[in-house]
Protein backbone atom coordinates (compact mmCIF):
# COMPACT_ATOMS: atom_id res chain seq x y z
CA MET A 1 -33.88 58.19 -37.25
CA SER A 2 -31.41 55.42 -36.42
CA ASP A 3 -30.45 54.66 -32.76
CA VAL A 4 -27.04 53.16 -33.73
CA PRO A 5 -24.28 55.42 -32.27
CA SER A 6 -21.78 56.82 -34.67
CA PRO A 7 -18.14 55.61 -34.60
CA GLU A 8 -17.10 59.06 -33.44
CA LEU A 9 -19.34 58.93 -30.37
CA SER A 10 -18.22 55.36 -29.51
CA ASN A 11 -14.56 56.27 -29.68
CA ALA A 12 -15.19 59.39 -27.55
CA ALA A 13 -16.97 57.37 -24.87
CA ASN A 14 -14.28 54.63 -24.93
CA PRO A 15 -10.99 56.22 -26.01
CA SER A 16 -9.05 53.09 -25.11
CA GLY A 17 -10.89 50.96 -27.58
CA GLY A 18 -10.92 48.12 -25.00
CA GLU A 19 -13.83 46.15 -23.67
CA ASP A 20 -13.35 47.27 -20.04
CA GLY A 21 -13.99 50.91 -20.92
CA LEU A 22 -10.82 52.06 -19.13
CA HIS A 23 -8.30 54.55 -20.41
CA PRO A 24 -4.84 53.01 -20.93
CA VAL A 25 -3.46 55.23 -18.16
CA ASP A 26 -6.12 53.98 -15.75
CA ARG A 27 -5.48 50.37 -16.74
CA ALA A 28 -1.74 50.76 -16.17
CA PHE A 29 -2.41 52.37 -12.76
CA LEU A 30 -4.59 49.43 -11.67
CA ALA A 31 -1.97 46.94 -12.85
CA GLN A 32 0.71 48.72 -10.82
CA LYS A 33 -1.63 48.94 -7.86
CA PHE A 34 -2.17 45.16 -7.78
CA ALA A 35 1.47 44.24 -8.49
CA GLY A 36 1.88 43.03 -4.92
CA GLY A 37 -0.98 40.56 -5.23
CA PRO A 38 1.18 37.59 -6.41
CA LEU A 39 3.59 38.16 -3.54
CA ILE A 40 0.74 38.09 -1.05
CA PHE A 41 -0.49 34.80 -2.53
CA GLY A 42 3.04 33.45 -2.46
CA VAL A 43 3.55 34.29 1.23
CA ILE A 44 0.19 32.60 2.06
CA ALA A 45 1.24 29.55 0.04
CA LEU A 46 4.55 29.21 1.86
CA ALA A 47 2.91 29.68 5.26
CA SER A 48 0.29 27.01 4.61
CA SER A 49 2.52 24.57 2.73
CA VAL A 50 3.15 22.50 5.87
CA LEU A 51 -0.57 21.66 5.92
CA ILE A 52 -0.58 20.94 2.17
CA LEU A 53 -2.83 24.01 1.68
CA GLY A 54 -0.32 26.13 -0.23
CA MET A 55 -1.07 24.71 -3.64
CA ILE A 56 -4.26 26.77 -4.12
CA PRO A 57 -2.87 30.24 -3.19
CA GLY A 58 0.39 29.30 -4.89
CA ALA A 59 -1.35 28.53 -8.15
CA LEU A 60 -3.33 31.79 -7.92
CA GLY A 61 -0.16 33.73 -7.24
CA LEU A 62 1.58 32.17 -10.24
CA ARG A 63 -1.33 32.98 -12.53
CA ALA A 64 -1.61 36.57 -11.27
CA GLY A 65 2.13 37.16 -11.51
CA ILE A 66 2.43 35.75 -15.01
CA ASP A 67 -0.55 37.86 -16.17
CA LEU A 68 1.00 41.01 -14.78
CA TRP A 69 4.33 40.24 -16.38
CA GLN A 70 2.68 39.66 -19.76
CA ARG A 71 0.87 43.00 -19.41
CA GLY A 72 4.15 44.79 -19.02
CA VAL A 73 4.32 45.17 -15.24
CA ARG A 74 8.02 44.25 -14.87
CA ARG A 75 8.53 45.13 -11.23
CA SER A 76 10.62 43.23 -8.72
CA VAL A 77 7.60 42.66 -6.51
CA VAL A 78 5.96 40.71 -9.34
CA VAL A 79 9.07 38.54 -9.75
CA ALA A 80 9.18 37.98 -6.03
CA GLY A 81 5.51 36.96 -6.04
CA ILE A 82 6.02 34.45 -8.86
CA VAL A 83 9.05 32.92 -7.08
CA ALA A 84 7.27 32.73 -3.71
CA SER A 85 4.15 31.26 -5.27
CA PHE A 86 6.17 28.59 -7.09
CA ALA A 87 8.06 27.79 -3.91
CA GLY A 88 4.78 27.48 -2.03
CA VAL A 89 3.44 25.00 -4.57
CA VAL A 90 6.65 22.93 -4.49
CA ALA A 91 6.75 22.95 -0.66
CA SER A 92 3.10 21.85 -0.54
CA ILE A 93 3.84 18.93 -2.89
CA MET A 94 6.84 17.91 -0.75
CA ALA A 95 4.72 18.16 2.39
CA ALA A 96 2.05 15.96 0.81
CA LEU A 97 4.70 13.32 -0.01
CA LEU A 98 6.11 13.51 3.50
CA TRP A 99 2.75 13.24 5.22
CA GLY A 100 1.83 10.37 2.90
CA ALA A 101 5.00 8.52 3.74
CA LEU A 102 4.47 9.07 7.50
CA LEU A 103 0.85 7.88 7.24
CA ALA A 104 1.91 4.78 5.31
CA GLY A 105 4.59 4.08 7.92
CA VAL A 106 2.10 4.36 10.75
CA LEU A 107 -0.42 2.07 9.03
CA LEU A 108 2.27 -0.50 8.21
CA GLY A 109 3.59 -0.28 11.77
CA ARG A 110 0.13 -0.95 13.20
CA ASP A 111 -0.34 -3.93 10.88
CA ALA A 112 3.06 -5.28 11.91
CA MET A 113 2.26 -4.80 15.58
CA ARG A 114 -1.03 -6.63 15.28
CA GLU A 115 0.68 -9.46 13.41
CA THR A 116 3.50 -9.89 15.93
CA GLU A 117 1.07 -9.80 18.89
CA ARG A 118 -0.40 -13.03 17.47
CA TRP A 119 3.00 -14.72 17.68
CA ARG A 120 2.90 -14.86 21.46
CA GLY A 121 2.75 -18.43 22.70
CA GLU A 122 3.96 -19.99 19.43
CA VAL A 123 6.79 -22.48 19.63
CA VAL A 124 9.31 -22.06 16.81
CA GLN A 125 10.93 -25.00 15.11
CA PRO A 126 14.51 -25.66 16.32
CA PHE A 127 17.04 -23.76 14.25
CA VAL A 128 20.72 -22.79 14.15
CA LEU A 129 22.16 -19.36 13.42
CA THR A 130 25.65 -18.70 12.06
CA ALA A 131 26.68 -15.54 13.90
CA THR A 132 29.74 -13.32 14.00
CA GLU A 133 31.03 -11.74 17.23
CA SER A 134 31.14 -7.99 16.52
CA ILE A 135 34.50 -7.24 18.21
CA SER A 136 36.71 -10.28 17.58
CA GLY A 137 35.03 -11.36 14.33
CA GLU A 138 34.74 -14.93 15.60
CA VAL A 139 32.18 -17.03 13.71
CA PHE A 140 30.16 -19.53 15.71
CA GLN A 141 26.93 -21.50 15.67
CA PHE A 142 24.07 -20.72 18.06
CA ALA A 143 21.14 -23.09 18.39
CA VAL A 144 17.59 -22.46 19.53
CA PRO A 145 16.69 -24.11 21.91
CA PRO A 146 20.09 -23.20 23.39
CA ALA A 147 22.53 -25.94 24.40
CA ASP A 148 23.85 -23.89 27.31
CA ALA A 149 21.79 -24.72 30.41
CA MET A 150 22.59 -21.28 31.85
CA VAL A 151 20.59 -19.56 29.06
CA GLU A 152 16.98 -19.13 30.21
CA ARG A 153 15.73 -17.08 27.27
CA VAL A 154 16.85 -15.77 23.89
CA ALA A 155 16.30 -12.23 22.62
CA ILE A 156 16.55 -11.68 18.86
CA VAL A 157 16.54 -8.13 17.47
CA LEU A 158 15.64 -8.13 13.76
CA ALA A 159 17.14 -4.89 12.51
CA GLY A 160 17.49 -2.86 9.32
CA VAL A 161 21.06 -1.69 8.55
CA GLY A 162 21.37 2.09 8.45
CA GLU A 163 18.04 2.79 10.14
CA GLN A 164 18.07 5.01 13.24
CA PRO A 165 15.26 3.11 15.10
CA SER A 166 17.23 -0.14 14.59
CA ALA A 167 20.40 1.47 15.92
CA GLU A 168 18.51 2.69 19.01
CA ALA A 169 17.00 -0.75 19.54
CA ILE A 170 20.44 -2.41 19.32
CA THR A 171 22.03 0.10 21.69
CA THR A 172 19.34 -0.27 24.34
CA ALA A 173 19.19 -4.09 24.03
CA VAL A 174 22.96 -4.43 24.44
CA GLN A 175 22.92 -2.24 27.56
CA VAL A 176 20.14 -4.28 29.14
CA ALA A 177 21.56 -7.66 28.09
CA GLN A 178 24.80 -6.89 29.95
CA ARG A 179 22.81 -6.95 33.18
CA HIS A 180 21.01 -10.22 32.35
CA PRO A 181 23.57 -12.87 31.33
CA SER A 182 20.88 -15.57 31.37
CA CYS A 183 19.25 -13.88 28.36
CA ARG A 184 21.24 -14.44 25.15
CA LEU A 185 21.02 -11.53 22.71
CA LEU A 186 21.49 -11.88 18.97
CA ILE A 187 21.13 -9.31 16.22
CA VAL A 188 19.79 -10.48 12.82
CA THR A 189 19.83 -8.24 9.74
CA PRO A 190 17.55 -10.07 7.24
CA LEU A 191 18.16 -7.61 4.41
CA ALA A 192 21.91 -7.22 4.76
CA SER A 193 25.00 -9.43 4.80
CA ARG A 194 26.54 -10.58 8.05
CA ASP A 195 29.54 -8.27 7.55
CA GLU A 196 27.26 -5.25 6.92
CA GLY A 197 25.19 -6.16 9.96
CA LYS A 198 28.34 -6.63 12.06
CA ALA A 199 29.65 -3.15 11.09
CA PHE A 200 26.27 -1.56 11.84
CA ALA A 201 25.88 -3.36 15.19
CA THR A 202 29.46 -2.52 16.20
CA VAL A 203 28.80 1.19 15.80
CA ALA A 204 25.47 0.91 17.64
CA SER A 205 26.85 -1.15 20.54
CA ALA A 206 30.16 0.78 20.88
CA ALA A 207 32.81 -1.48 22.47
CA THR A 208 30.42 -4.19 23.59
CA ALA A 209 30.71 -7.58 21.89
CA ILE A 210 27.51 -8.72 20.22
CA ALA A 211 26.51 -11.70 18.03
CA VAL A 212 25.26 -10.79 14.55
CA ALA A 213 23.64 -12.90 11.82
CA GLY A 214 22.85 -11.65 8.33
CA ARG A 215 20.48 -12.44 5.48
CA ASP A 216 22.03 -15.90 5.09
CA ALA A 217 20.38 -16.84 8.39
CA THR A 218 17.56 -19.36 8.01
CA LEU A 219 14.79 -18.30 10.38
CA PRO A 220 11.74 -20.44 11.06
CA ALA A 221 8.18 -19.20 10.93
CA PRO A 222 6.97 -16.76 12.09
CA LEU A 223 10.35 -15.03 12.48
CA ALA A 224 10.94 -15.22 8.74
CA SER A 225 7.91 -13.01 8.02
CA VAL A 226 8.88 -9.84 9.91
CA ALA A 227 7.26 -6.81 8.26
CA ALA A 228 8.92 -3.95 10.16
CA PHE A 229 12.32 -3.17 11.66
CA PRO A 230 13.29 -3.25 14.40
CA THR A 231 11.33 -6.17 15.82
CA THR A 232 12.45 -7.73 19.11
CA VAL A 233 11.43 -11.34 19.81
CA ILE A 234 11.81 -12.83 23.29
CA MET A 235 11.73 -16.66 23.52
CA ASP A 236 12.12 -18.99 26.47
CA ARG A 237 14.74 -21.73 26.30
CA GLU A 238 12.20 -24.11 24.71
CA GLY A 239 11.71 -21.76 21.75
CA ARG A 240 8.29 -20.49 22.89
CA ILE A 241 7.70 -16.87 21.95
CA GLU A 242 7.01 -14.84 25.08
CA PHE A 243 6.80 -11.40 23.40
CA ALA A 244 7.31 -9.89 19.96
CA LEU A 245 7.61 -6.09 19.88
CA VAL A 246 7.85 -3.70 16.95
CA GLY A 247 9.96 -0.56 17.29
CA ALA A 248 12.66 0.61 19.61
CA ARG A 249 11.77 0.16 23.28
CA GLY A 250 13.04 1.77 26.51
CA GLU A 251 15.42 0.19 29.02
CA GLU A 252 12.70 -0.28 31.67
CA GLU A 253 10.54 -2.37 29.34
CA LEU A 254 13.47 -4.44 28.10
CA GLU A 255 14.53 -5.03 31.72
CA ARG A 256 11.21 -6.68 32.41
CA LEU A 257 11.43 -8.73 29.20
CA PHE A 258 15.03 -9.91 29.51
CA SER A 259 14.63 -10.79 33.23
CA GLY A 260 11.49 -12.80 32.60
CA GLU A 261 9.42 -10.58 34.91
CA ALA A 262 7.05 -9.63 32.08
CA ALA A 263 6.52 -13.27 31.12
CA ARG A 264 5.81 -14.33 34.74
CA ALA A 265 3.36 -11.45 35.17
CA ALA A 266 1.60 -12.37 31.90
CA ALA A 267 1.34 -16.00 32.94
CA GLU A 268 -0.14 -14.99 36.29
CA ARG A 269 -2.76 -12.79 34.57
CA GLU A 270 -3.70 -15.56 32.23
CA LYS A 271 -4.06 -17.97 35.14
CA LEU A 272 -6.34 -15.60 36.99
CA LEU A 273 -8.45 -15.09 33.83
CA ARG A 274 -8.85 -18.84 33.35
CA GLU A 275 -9.84 -19.29 36.98
CA SER A 276 -12.39 -16.46 36.81
CA ALA A 277 -13.85 -17.78 33.53
CA SER A 278 -14.19 -21.42 34.71
CA PRO A 279 -17.59 -22.37 36.25
CA PRO A 280 -17.71 -22.98 40.01
CA PRO A 281 -17.53 -26.66 41.02
CA THR A 282 -20.87 -28.37 41.78
CA SER A 283 -21.33 -30.27 45.01
CA ASP A 284 -22.96 -33.70 45.04
CA SER A 285 -23.28 -33.92 48.86
CA PRO A 286 -26.64 -35.23 50.18
CA SER A 287 -27.37 -31.93 51.89
CA ASP A 288 -27.57 -30.26 48.53
CA HIS A 289 -30.52 -32.43 47.56
CA ASN A 290 -32.57 -31.70 50.68
């Protein structure tokens, strides 16, 4: 006697004819029961997209939603799940690009800061800038070292036109420079023309006149190799770089830089360090040999 079941018995045990052994009514019930699954995945994807974690639940929600739609579950909750899942995937990709750009900016900023810190103490070659006065439009020549004996130091803000940090740096520098006439302030826009830089600086400095030089300015090393904007360089009247700072700085810090207080304090610290590092003098008096 054969143990192979007859076709009649097989069809009776599995009336649906499917591999899962479920009746079509039961299968439709389960599909309707889990119709909200894609929406749940979509909500999770949107909520976690800021941390770039929404791509996984978003992809799962898309797959589940498309499967349900192909199986005939044409409910609005399925459509909402597909849309939310897709939005979660897109938002996660955008967040990844944003975080990547921020990380690259931070790394580049740190490299630029380390580079400019090494400029301190360098003496730049004498140079002349052709600058435009932002209010009157007067064009004039400014030399470094300065010809005016009243100018004790020169502050150059290397700025990027249209960048908010550069606008903040110009605004703060202009406000501080007004209180320190012995510090000559110039704005240089290496990537823009003098007219573009003048318009940008005029907006940032309001009604205060300011000297602006553009990409036609010939800057000596190391000023010609600035890697980040804004960069503020403070030089004494001999062209020696006292400080080079990346990024917009507050008024209190610029006050110390423009007044020379920061340079005097740094020189005093260096003097104390040299004295502490030098060996004590030896005495050759006869009493020392007894």
